[in-house]
Amino acid sequence: MPTYQYRCDKCGHEFEEYQSMLDDPLDSCPECKGPVHRLITGGAGFLFKGSGFYITDYRSGQYKKDAAADSSSSKTSSESKDASKSKSDSSSKKTKSKKTDK
């Protein structure tokens, strides 16, 4: 149940009241019985404790599938780059060895 903050229009007294969301707002000050209105407050901050409160824990299934596809495509492209690099390295070694033979 939330805590609501009120201010008296007559005496300026400010107070908090712990009420259900379904309850009607208070209409009288506990000090002078004058009219009150509910204030709009920022509310309390959230404090999450424990494990499991990361943005990635709540990702959609589609996001996870897309991320997996991206990571697998980046692996295959890096593997093909490594393969082409090793081919070029081996061909350059062959040309060097031919030059030294003469």
Foldseek 3Di string as FASTA:
>chain_A
DDKWWKAFPPPRDIDIDDDDPPDDDDAADPPPGGGMDIDDDPDDDDDDDDPDPDPVSPDDPVVVVVVVVVVVVVVVVVVVVVVVVVVVVVVVVVVVVVVVVD
